[in-house]
Amino acid sequence: DRGGWPKNVDTTARPYSGADRAKDLAPTFDNGAT
């Protein structure tokens, strides 16, 4: 919701299907994320 992406997740393979976006999608600039 803030605009960034989480790290250590393959964001390309399949759609996000979790229930807790705030926890699962904590945005960061680490490891190439965002």
PDB file of all heavy atoms in Angstrom:
ATOM      1  N   ASP A   1       0.821  -1.203   0.000  1.00  0.00           N
ATOM      2  CA  ASP A   1       0.000   0.000   0.000  1.00  0.00           C
ATOM      3  C   ASP A   1       0.863   1.264   0.000  1.00  0.00           C
ATOM      4  O   ASP A   1       0.429   2.309  -0.484  1.00  0.00           O
ATOM      5  CB  ASP A   1      -0.936  -0.007   1.210  1.00  0.00           C
ATOM      6  CG  ASP A   1      -1.973  -1.120   1.131  1.00  0.00           C
ATOM      7  OD1 ASP A   1      -2.214  -1.619   0.019  1.00  0.00           O
ATOM      8  OD2 ASP A   1      -2.521  -1.497   2.187  1.00  0.00           O
ATOM      9  N   ARG A   2       2.079   1.153   0.525  1.00  0.00           N
ATOM     10  CA  ARG A   2       2.975   2.315   0.559  1.00  0.00           C
ATOM     11  C   ARG A   2       3.638   2.559  -0.788  1.00  0.00           C
ATOM     12  O   ARG A   2       4.082   3.656  -1.074  1.00  0.00           O
ATOM     13  CB  ARG A   2       4.040   2.135   1.643  1.00  0.00           C
ATOM     14  CG  ARG A   2       3.462   2.143   3.053  1.00  0.00           C
ATOM     15  CD  ARG A   2       4.582   2.159   4.078  1.00  0.00           C
ATOM     16  NE  ARG A   2       4.057   2.163   5.433  1.00  0.00           N
ATOM     17  CZ  ARG A   2       3.655   3.246   6.083  1.00  0.00           C
ATOM     18  NH1 ARG A   2       3.731   4.423   5.499  1.00  0.00           N
ATOM     19  NH2 ARG A   2       3.193   3.156   7.326  1.00  0.00           N
ATOM     20  N   GLY A   3       3.762   1.494  -1.588  1.00  0.00           N
ATOM     21  CA  GLY A   3       4.334   1.676  -2.923  1.00  0.00           C
ATOM     22  C   GLY A   3       5.512   0.796  -3.244  1.00  0.00           C
ATOM     23  O   GLY A   3       5.892   0.668  -4.410  1.00  0.00           O
ATOM     24  N   GLY A   4       6.149   0.187  -2.213  1.00  0.00           N
ATOM     25  CA  GLY A   4       7.306  -0.668  -2.449  1.00  0.00           C
ATOM     26  C   GLY A   4       6.942  -2.140  -2.478  1.00  0.00           C
ATOM     27  O   GLY A   4       5.763  -2.516  -2.423  1.00  0.00           O
ATOM     28  N   TRP A   5       7.974  -2.977  -2.558  1.00  0.00           N
ATOM     29  CA  TRP A   5       7.791  -4.427  -2.626  1.00  0.00           C
ATOM     30  C   TRP A   5       8.607  -5.124  -1.543  1.00  0.00           C
ATOM     31  O   TRP A   5       9.614  -4.577  -1.068  1.00  0.00           O
ATOM     32  CB  TRP A   5       8.233  -4.942  -3.992  1.00  0.00           C
ATOM     33  CG  TRP A   5       7.228  -4.773  -5.079  1.00  0.00           C
ATOM     34  CD1 TRP A   5       6.349  -5.708  -5.547  1.00  0.00           C
ATOM     35  CD2 TRP A   5       6.978  -3.590  -5.852  1.00  0.00           C
ATOM     36  NE1 TRP A   5       5.574  -5.189  -6.559  1.00  0.00           N
ATOM     37  CE2 TRP A   5       5.939  -3.886  -6.771  1.00  0.00           C
ATOM     38  CE3 TRP A   5       7.523  -2.311  -5.863  1.00  0.00           C
ATOM     39  CZ2 TRP A   5       5.444  -2.959  -7.678  1.00  0.00           C
ATOM     40  CZ3 TRP A   5       7.037  -1.369  -6.755  1.00  0.00           C
ATOM     41  CH2 TRP A   5       6.008  -1.700  -7.657  1.00  0.00           C
ATOM     42  N   PRO A   6       8.221  -6.337  -1.148  1.00  0.00           N
ATOM     43  CA  PRO A   6       8.982  -7.092  -0.140  1.00  0.00           C
ATOM     44  C   PRO A   6      10.229  -7.722  -0.744  1.00  0.00           C
ATOM     45  O   PRO A   6      10.357  -7.840  -1.965  1.00  0.00           O
ATOM     46  CB  PRO A   6       7.979  -8.171   0.304  1.00  0.00           C
ATOM     47  CG  PRO A   6       7.162  -8.420  -0.927  1.00  0.00           C
ATOM     48  CD  PRO A   6       7.022  -7.066  -1.598  1.00  0.00           C
ATOM     49  N   LYS A   7      11.143  -8.168   0.111  1.00  0.00           N
ATOM     50  CA  LYS A   7      12.356  -8.818  -0.372  1.00  0.00           C
ATOM     51  C   LYS A   7      12.248 -10.337  -0.248  1.00  0.00           C
ATOM     52  O   LYS A   7      11.398 -10.871   0.475  1.00  0.00           O
ATOM     53  CB  LYS A   7      13.579  -8.326   0.405  1.00  0.00           C
ATOM     54  CG  LYS A   7      13.643  -8.772   1.864  1.00  0.00           C
ATOM     55  CD  LYS A   7      14.955  -8.326   2.484  1.00  0.00           C
ATOM     56  CE  LYS A   7      15.046  -8.765   3.949  1.00  0.00           C
ATOM     57  NZ  LYS A   7      16.346  -8.399   4.551  1.00  0.00           N
ATOM     58  N   ASN A   8      13.143 -11.010  -0.965  1.00  0.00           N
ATOM     59  CA  ASN A   8      13.262 -12.468  -0.916  1.00  0.00           C
ATOM     60  C   ASN A   8      11.961 -13.173  -1.274  1.00  0.00           C
ATOM     61  O   ASN A   8      11.637 -14.244  -0.755  1.00  0.00           O
ATOM     62  CB  ASN A   8      13.749 -12.926   0.467  1.00  0.00           C
ATOM     63  CG  ASN A   8      15.117 -12.352   0.808  1.00  0.00           C
ATOM     64  OD1 ASN A   8      15.876 -11.993  -0.078  1.00  0.00           O
ATOM     65  ND2 ASN A   8      15.413 -12.261   2.086  1.00  0.00           N
ATOM     66  N   VAL A   9      11.191 -12.554  -2.158  1.00  0.00           N
ATOM     67  CA  VAL A   9       9.949 -13.132  -2.671  1.00  0.00           C
ATOM     68  C   VAL A   9       9.994 -13.028  -4.187  1.00  0.00           C
ATOM     69  O   VAL A   9      10.307 -11.967  -4.721  1.00  0.00           O
ATOM     70  CB  VAL A   9       8.714 -12.372  -2.134  1.00  0.00           C
ATOM     71  CG1 VAL A   9       7.439 -12.914  -2.763  1.00  0.00           C
ATOM     72  CG2 VAL A   9       8.640 -12.454  -0.614  1.00  0.00           C
ATOM     73  N   ASP A  10       9.680 -14.115  -4.870  1.00  0.00           N
ATOM     74  CA  ASP A  10       9.594 -14.044  -6.324  1.00  0.00           C
ATOM     75  C   ASP A  10       8.246 -13.429  -6.679  1.00  0.00           C
ATOM     76  O   ASP A  10       7.218 -14.095  -6.670  1.00  0.00           O
ATOM     77  CB  ASP A  10       9.735 -15.420  -6.956  1.00  0.00           C
ATOM     78  CG  ASP A  10       9.822 -15.345  -8.479  1.00  0.00           C
ATOM     79  OD1 ASP A  10       9.562 -14.274  -9.041  1.00  0.00           O
ATOM     80  OD2 ASP A  10      10.157 -16.371  -9.101  1.00  0.00           O
ATOM     81  N   THR A  11       8.256 -12.145  -6.960  1.00  0.00           N
ATOM     82  CA  THR A  11       7.015 -11.419  -7.228  1.00  0.00           C
ATOM     83  C   THR A  11       6.507 -11.637  -8.649  1.00  0.00           C
ATOM     84  O   THR A  11       5.493 -11.052  -9.041  1.00  0.00           O
ATOM     85  CB  THR A  11       7.229  -9.913  -6.997  1.00  0.00           C
ATOM     86  OG1 THR A  11       8.305  -9.445  -7.837  1.00  0.00           O
ATOM     87  CG2 THR A  11       7.569  -9.636  -5.543  1.00  0.00           C
ATOM     88  N   THR A  12       7.196 -12.498  -9.403  1.00  0.00           N
ATOM     89  CA  THR A  12       6.822 -12.693 -10.807  1.00  0.00           C
ATOM     90  C   THR A  12       6.134 -14.027 -11.075  1.00  0.00           C
ATOM     91  O   THR A  12       5.467 -14.178 -12.091  1.00  0.00           O
ATOM     92  CB  THR A  12       8.066 -12.625 -11.710  1.00  0.00           C
ATOM     93  OG1 THR A  12       8.923 -13.763 -11.457  1.00  0.00           O
ATOM     94  CG2 THR A  12       8.849 -11.354 -11.463  1.00  0.00           C
ATOM     95  N   ALA A  13       6.299 -15.001 -10.196  1.00  0.00           N
ATOM     96  CA  ALA A  13       5.893 -16.377 -10.518  1.00  0.00           C
ATOM     97  C   ALA A  13       4.391 -16.604 -10.457  1.00  0.00           C
ATOM     98  O   ALA A  13       3.824 -17.336 -11.264  1.00  0.00           O
ATOM     99  CB  ALA A  13       6.602 -17.358  -9.585  1.00  0.00           C
ATOM    100  N   ARG A  14       3.739 -15.989  -9.470  1.00  0.00           N
ATOM    101  CA  ARG A  14       2.295 -16.189  -9.276  1.00  0.00           C
ATOM    102  C   ARG A  14       1.738 -14.979  -8.539  1.00  0.00           C
ATOM    103  O   ARG A  14       2.488 -14.256  -7.877  1.00  0.00           O
ATOM    104  CB  ARG A  14       2.031 -17.467  -8.483  1.00  0.00           C
ATOM    105  CG  ARG A  14       2.655 -17.482  -7.109  1.00  0.00           C
ATOM    106  CD  ARG A  14       2.547 -18.841  -6.447  1.00  0.00           C
ATOM    107  NE  ARG A  14       3.182 -19.878  -7.245  1.00  0.00           N
ATOM    108  CZ  ARG A  14       4.495 -20.139  -7.203  1.00  0.00           C
ATOM    109  NH1 ARG A  14       5.294 -19.422  -6.428  1.00  0.00           N
ATOM    110  NH2 ARG A  14       5.009 -21.085  -7.955  1.00  0.00           N
ATOM    111  N   PRO A  15       0.448 -14.744  -8.589  1.00  0.00           N
ATOM    112  CA  PRO A  15      -0.129 -13.587  -7.889  1.00  0.00           C
ATOM    113  C   PRO A  15      -0.047 -13.759  -6.381  1.00  0.00           C
ATOM    114  O   PRO A  15      -0.038 -14.883  -5.864  1.00  0.00           O
ATOM    115  CB  PRO A  15      -1.591 -13.588  -8.355  1.00  0.00           C
ATOM    116  CG  PRO A  15      -1.646 -14.474  -9.543  1.00  0.00           C
ATOM    117  CD  PRO A  15      -0.553 -15.476  -9.396  1.00  0.00           C
ATOM    118  N   TYR A  16       0.014 -12.644  -5.684  1.00  0.00           N
ATOM    119  CA  TYR A  16      -0.044 -12.682  -4.222  1.00  0.00           C
ATOM    120  C   TYR A  16      -1.397 -13.220  -3.785  1.00  0.00           C
ATOM    121  O   TYR A  16      -2.446 -12.787  -4.280  1.00  0.00           O
ATOM    122  CB  TYR A  16       0.171 -11.283  -3.649  1.00  0.00           C
ATOM    123  CG  TYR A  16      -0.059 -11.212  -2.155  1.00  0.00           C
ATOM    124  CD1 TYR A  16       0.843 -11.805  -1.280  1.00  0.00           C
ATOM    125  CD2 TYR A  16      -1.184 -10.575  -1.629  1.00  0.00           C
ATOM    126  CE1 TYR A  16       0.636 -11.755   0.096  1.00  0.00           C
ATOM    127  CE2 TYR A  16      -1.396 -10.521  -0.260  1.00  0.00           C
ATOM    128  CZ  TYR A  16      -0.484 -11.120   0.593  1.00  0.00           C
ATOM    129  OH  TYR A  16      -0.705 -11.076   1.946  1.00  0.00           O
ATOM    130  N   SER A  17      -1.377 -14.165  -2.851  1.00  0.00           N
ATOM    131  CA  SER A  17      -2.622 -14.789  -2.416  1.00  0.00           C
ATOM    132  C   SER A  17      -2.767 -14.811  -0.905  1.00  0.00           C
ATOM    133  O   SER A  17      -3.626 -15.507  -0.365  1.00  0.00           O
ATOM    134  CB  SER A  17      -2.699 -16.232  -2.948  1.00  0.00           C
ATOM    135  OG  SER A  17      -1.596 -16.993  -2.484  1.00  0.00           O
ATOM    136  N   GLY A  18      -1.922 -14.071  -0.205  1.00  0.00           N
ATOM    137  CA  GLY A  18      -1.992 -14.060   1.245  1.00  0.00           C
ATOM    138  C   GLY A  18      -3.141 -13.212   1.764  1.00  0.00           C
ATOM    139  O   GLY A  18      -3.854 -12.553   1.001  1.00  0.00           O
ATOM    140  N   ALA A  19      -3.273 -13.235   3.094  1.00  0.00           N
ATOM    141  CA  ALA A  19      -4.371 -12.515   3.729  1.00  0.00           C
ATOM    142  C   ALA A  19      -3.901 -11.294   4.509  1.00  0.00           C
ATOM    143  O   ALA A  19      -4.711 -10.434   4.854  1.00  0.00           O
ATOM    144  CB  ALA A  19      -5.131 -13.458   4.669  1.00  0.00           C
ATOM    145  N   ASP A  20      -2.599 -11.220   4.806  1.00  0.00           N
ATOM    146  CA  ASP A  20      -2.081 -10.131   5.629  1.00  0.00           C
ATOM    147  C   ASP A  20      -1.090  -9.310   4.814  1.00  0.00           C
ATOM    148  O   ASP A  20       0.122  -9.512   4.879  1.00  0.00           O
ATOM    149  CB  ASP A  20      -1.406 -10.700   6.878  1.00  0.00           C
ATOM    150  CG  ASP A  20      -1.075  -9.628   7.915  1.00  0.00           C
ATOM    151  OD1 ASP A  20      -1.049  -8.433   7.543  1.00  0.00           O
ATOM    152  OD2 ASP A  20      -0.823  -9.987   9.078  1.00  0.00           O
ATOM    153  N   ARG A  21      -1.590  -8.368   4.052  1.00  0.00           N
ATOM    154  CA  ARG A  21      -0.734  -7.580   3.167  1.00  0.00           C
ATOM    155  C   ARG A  21       0.293  -6.768   3.950  1.00  0.00           C
ATOM    156  O   ARG A  21       1.445  -6.647   3.539  1.00  0.00           O
ATOM    157  CB  ARG A  21      -1.583  -6.648   2.303  1.00  0.00           C
ATOM    158  CG  ARG A  21      -2.457  -7.363   1.290  1.00  0.00           C
ATOM    159  CD  ARG A  21      -3.208  -6.350   0.415  1.00  0.00           C
ATOM    160  NE  ARG A  21      -2.308  -5.505  -0.341  1.00  0.00           N
ATOM    161  CZ  ARG A  21      -1.765  -5.838  -1.507  1.00  0.00           C
ATOM    162  NH1 ARG A  21      -2.044  -6.999  -2.059  1.00  0.00           N
ATOM    163  NH2 ARG A  21      -0.949  -4.998  -2.141  1.00  0.00           N
ATOM    164  N   ALA A  22      -0.110  -6.206   5.082  1.00  0.00           N
ATOM    165  CA  ALA A  22       0.811  -5.371   5.860  1.00  0.00           C
ATOM    166  C   ALA A  22       2.017  -6.174   6.328  1.00  0.00           C
ATOM    167  O   ALA A  22       3.153  -5.678   6.334  1.00  0.00           O
ATOM    168  CB  ALA A  22       0.082  -4.762   7.050  1.00  0.00           C
ATOM    169  N   LYS A  23       1.808  -7.422   6.702  1.00  0.00           N
ATOM    170  CA  LYS A  23       2.901  -8.269   7.177  1.00  0.00           C
ATOM    171  C   LYS A  23       3.668  -8.887   6.020  1.00  0.00           C
ATOM    172  O   LYS A  23       4.906  -8.869   6.001  1.00  0.00           O
ATOM    173  CB  LYS A  23       2.346  -9.370   8.080  1.00  0.00           C
ATOM    174  CG  LYS A  23       3.409 -10.331   8.600  1.00  0.00           C
ATOM    175  CD  LYS A  23       2.778 -11.416   9.462  1.00  0.00           C
ATOM    176  CE  LYS A  23       3.841 -12.406   9.942  1.00  0.00           C
ATOM    177  NZ  LYS A  23       3.244 -13.487  10.764  1.00  0.00           N
ATOM    178  N   ASP A  24       2.957  -9.443   5.069  1.00  0.00           N
ATOM    179  CA  ASP A  24       3.597 -10.179   3.978  1.00  0.00           C
ATOM    180  C   ASP A  24       4.323  -9.276   2.993  1.00  0.00           C
ATOM    181  O   ASP A  24       5.312  -9.695   2.379  1.00  0.00           O
ATOM    182  CB  ASP A  24       2.559 -10.994   3.207  1.00  0.00           C
ATOM    183  CG  ASP A  24       1.893 -12.057   4.057  1.00  0.00           C
ATOM    184  OD1 ASP A  24       2.455 -12.414   5.113  1.00  0.00           O
ATOM    185  OD2 ASP A  24       0.802 -12.514   3.674  1.00  0.00           O
ATOM    186  N   LEU A  25       3.829  -8.064   2.820  1.00  0.00           N
ATOM    187  CA  LEU A  25       4.348  -7.188   1.773  1.00  0.00           C
ATOM    188  C   LEU A  25       5.081  -5.977   2.344  1.00  0.00           C
ATOM    189  O   LEU A  25       5.053  -4.896   1.766  1.00  0.00           O
ATOM    190  CB  LEU A  25       3.205  -6.739   0.854  1.00  0.00           C
ATOM    191  CG  LEU A  25       2.354  -7.855   0.245  1.00  0.00           C
ATOM    192  CD1 LEU A  25       1.308  -7.272  -0.693  1.00  0.00           C
ATOM    193  CD2 LEU A  25       3.221  -8.872  -0.484  1.00  0.00           C
ATOM    194  N   ALA A  26       5.747  -6.162   3.483  1.00  0.00           N
ATOM    195  CA  ALA A  26       6.509  -5.057   4.071  1.00  0.00           C
ATOM    196  C   ALA A  26       7.561  -4.584   3.075  1.00  0.00           C
ATOM    197  O   ALA A  26       8.471  -5.336   2.721  1.00  0.00           O
ATOM    198  CB  ALA A  26       7.172  -5.517   5.361  1.00  0.00           C
ATOM    199  N   PRO A  27       7.458  -3.364   2.586  1.00  0.00           N
ATOM    200  CA  PRO A  27       8.358  -2.911   1.511  1.00  0.00           C
ATOM    201  C   PRO A  27       9.758  -2.608   2.019  1.00  0.00           C
ATOM    202  O   PRO A  27       9.956  -2.180   3.155  1.00  0.00           O
ATOM    203  CB  PRO A  27       7.666  -1.650   1.000  1.00  0.00           C
ATOM    204  CG  PRO A  27       6.922  -1.123   2.196  1.00  0.00           C
ATOM    205  CD  PRO A  27       6.475  -2.345   2.958  1.00  0.00           C
ATOM    206  N   THR A  28      10.739  -2.840   1.170  1.00  0.00           N
ATOM    207  CA  THR A  28      12.134  -2.607   1.531  1.00  0.00           C
ATOM    208  C   THR A  28      12.931  -2.314   0.273  1.00  0.00           C
ATOM    209  O   THR A  28      12.459  -2.522  -0.849  1.00  0.00           O
ATOM    210  CB  THR A  28      12.724  -3.838   2.243  1.00  0.00           C
ATOM    211  OG1 THR A  28      14.093  -3.589   2.585  1.00  0.00           O
ATOM    212  CG2 THR A  28      12.646  -5.075   1.367  1.00  0.00           C
ATOM    213  N   PHE A  29      14.170  -1.827   0.485  1.00  0.00           N
ATOM    214  CA  PHE A  29      15.095  -1.600  -0.619  1.00  0.00           C
ATOM    215  C   PHE A  29      16.221  -2.637  -0.601  1.00  0.00           C
ATOM    216  O   PHE A  29      17.150  -2.556  -1.398  1.00  0.00           O
ATOM    217  CB  PHE A  29      15.696  -0.193  -0.535  1.00  0.00           C
ATOM    218  CG  PHE A  29      14.658   0.889  -0.449  1.00  0.00           C
ATOM    219  CD1 PHE A  29      14.652   1.791   0.605  1.00  0.00           C
ATOM    220  CD2 PHE A  29      13.677   0.997  -1.417  1.00  0.00           C
ATOM    221  CE1 PHE A  29      13.694   2.798   0.682  1.00  0.00           C
ATOM    222  CE2 PHE A  29      12.713   1.995  -1.351  1.00  0.00           C
ATOM    223  CZ  PHE A  29      12.719   2.890  -0.291  1.00  0.00           C
ATOM    224  N   ASP A  30      16.139  -3.589   0.304  1.00  0.00           N
ATOM    225  CA  ASP A  30      17.182  -4.589   0.470  1.00  0.00           C
ATOM    226  C   ASP A  30      17.079  -5.667  -0.616  1.00  0.00           C
ATOM    227  O   ASP A  30      15.984  -5.976  -1.100  1.00  0.00           O
ATOM    228  CB  ASP A  30      17.053  -5.229   1.858  1.00  0.00           C
ATOM    229  CG  ASP A  30      18.262  -6.051   2.252  1.00  0.00           C
ATOM    230  OD1 ASP A  30      19.361  -5.752   1.760  1.00  0.00           O
ATOM    231  OD2 ASP A  30      18.113  -6.976   3.071  1.00  0.00           O
ATOM    232  N   ASN A  31      18.221  -6.247  -0.981  1.00  0.00           N
ATOM    233  CA  ASN A  31      18.272  -7.374  -1.916  1.00  0.00           C
ATOM    234  C   ASN A  31      17.600  -7.083  -3.260  1.00  0.00           C
ATOM    235  O   ASN A  31      17.032  -7.975  -3.890  1.00  0.00           O
ATOM    236  CB  ASN A  31      17.638  -8.619  -1.291  1.00  0.00           C
ATOM    237  CG  ASN A  31      18.517  -9.225  -0.208  1.00  0.00           C
ATOM    238  OD1 ASN A  31      19.563  -8.685   0.128  1.00  0.00           O
ATOM    239  ND2 ASN A  31      18.092 -10.335   0.346  1.00  0.00           N
ATOM    240  N   GLY A  32      17.627  -5.838  -3.693  1.00  0.00           N
ATOM    241  CA  GLY A  32      17.064  -5.485  -4.993  1.00  0.00           C
ATOM    242  C   GLY A  32      15.573  -5.274  -4.993  1.00  0.00           C
ATOM    243  O   GLY A  32      14.991  -4.960  -6.047  1.00  0.00           O
ATOM    244  N   ALA A  33      14.928  -5.445  -3.835  1.00  0.00           N
ATOM    245  CA  ALA A  33      13.478  -5.269  -3.784  1.00  0.00           C
ATOM    246  C   ALA A  33      13.106  -3.831  -4.121  1.00  0.00           C
ATOM    247  O   ALA A  33      13.833  -2.889  -3.829  1.00  0.00           O
ATOM    248  CB  ALA A  33      12.944  -5.629  -2.397  1.00  0.00           C
ATOM    249  N   THR A  34      11.973  -3.650  -4.725  1.00  0.00           N
ATOM    250  CA  THR A  34      11.368  -2.370  -5.126  1.00  0.00           C
ATOM    251  C   THR A  34      12.002  -1.825  -6.410  1.00  0.00           C
ATOM    252  O   THR A  34      11.288  -1.559  -7.378  1.00  0.00           O
ATOM    253  CB  THR A  34      11.404  -1.324  -4.003  1.00  0.00           C
ATOM    254  OG1 THR A  34      10.649  -1.815  -2.879  1.00  0.00           O
ATOM    255  CG2 THR A  34      10.819   0.008  -4.449  1.00  0.00           C
TER     256      THR A  34
END
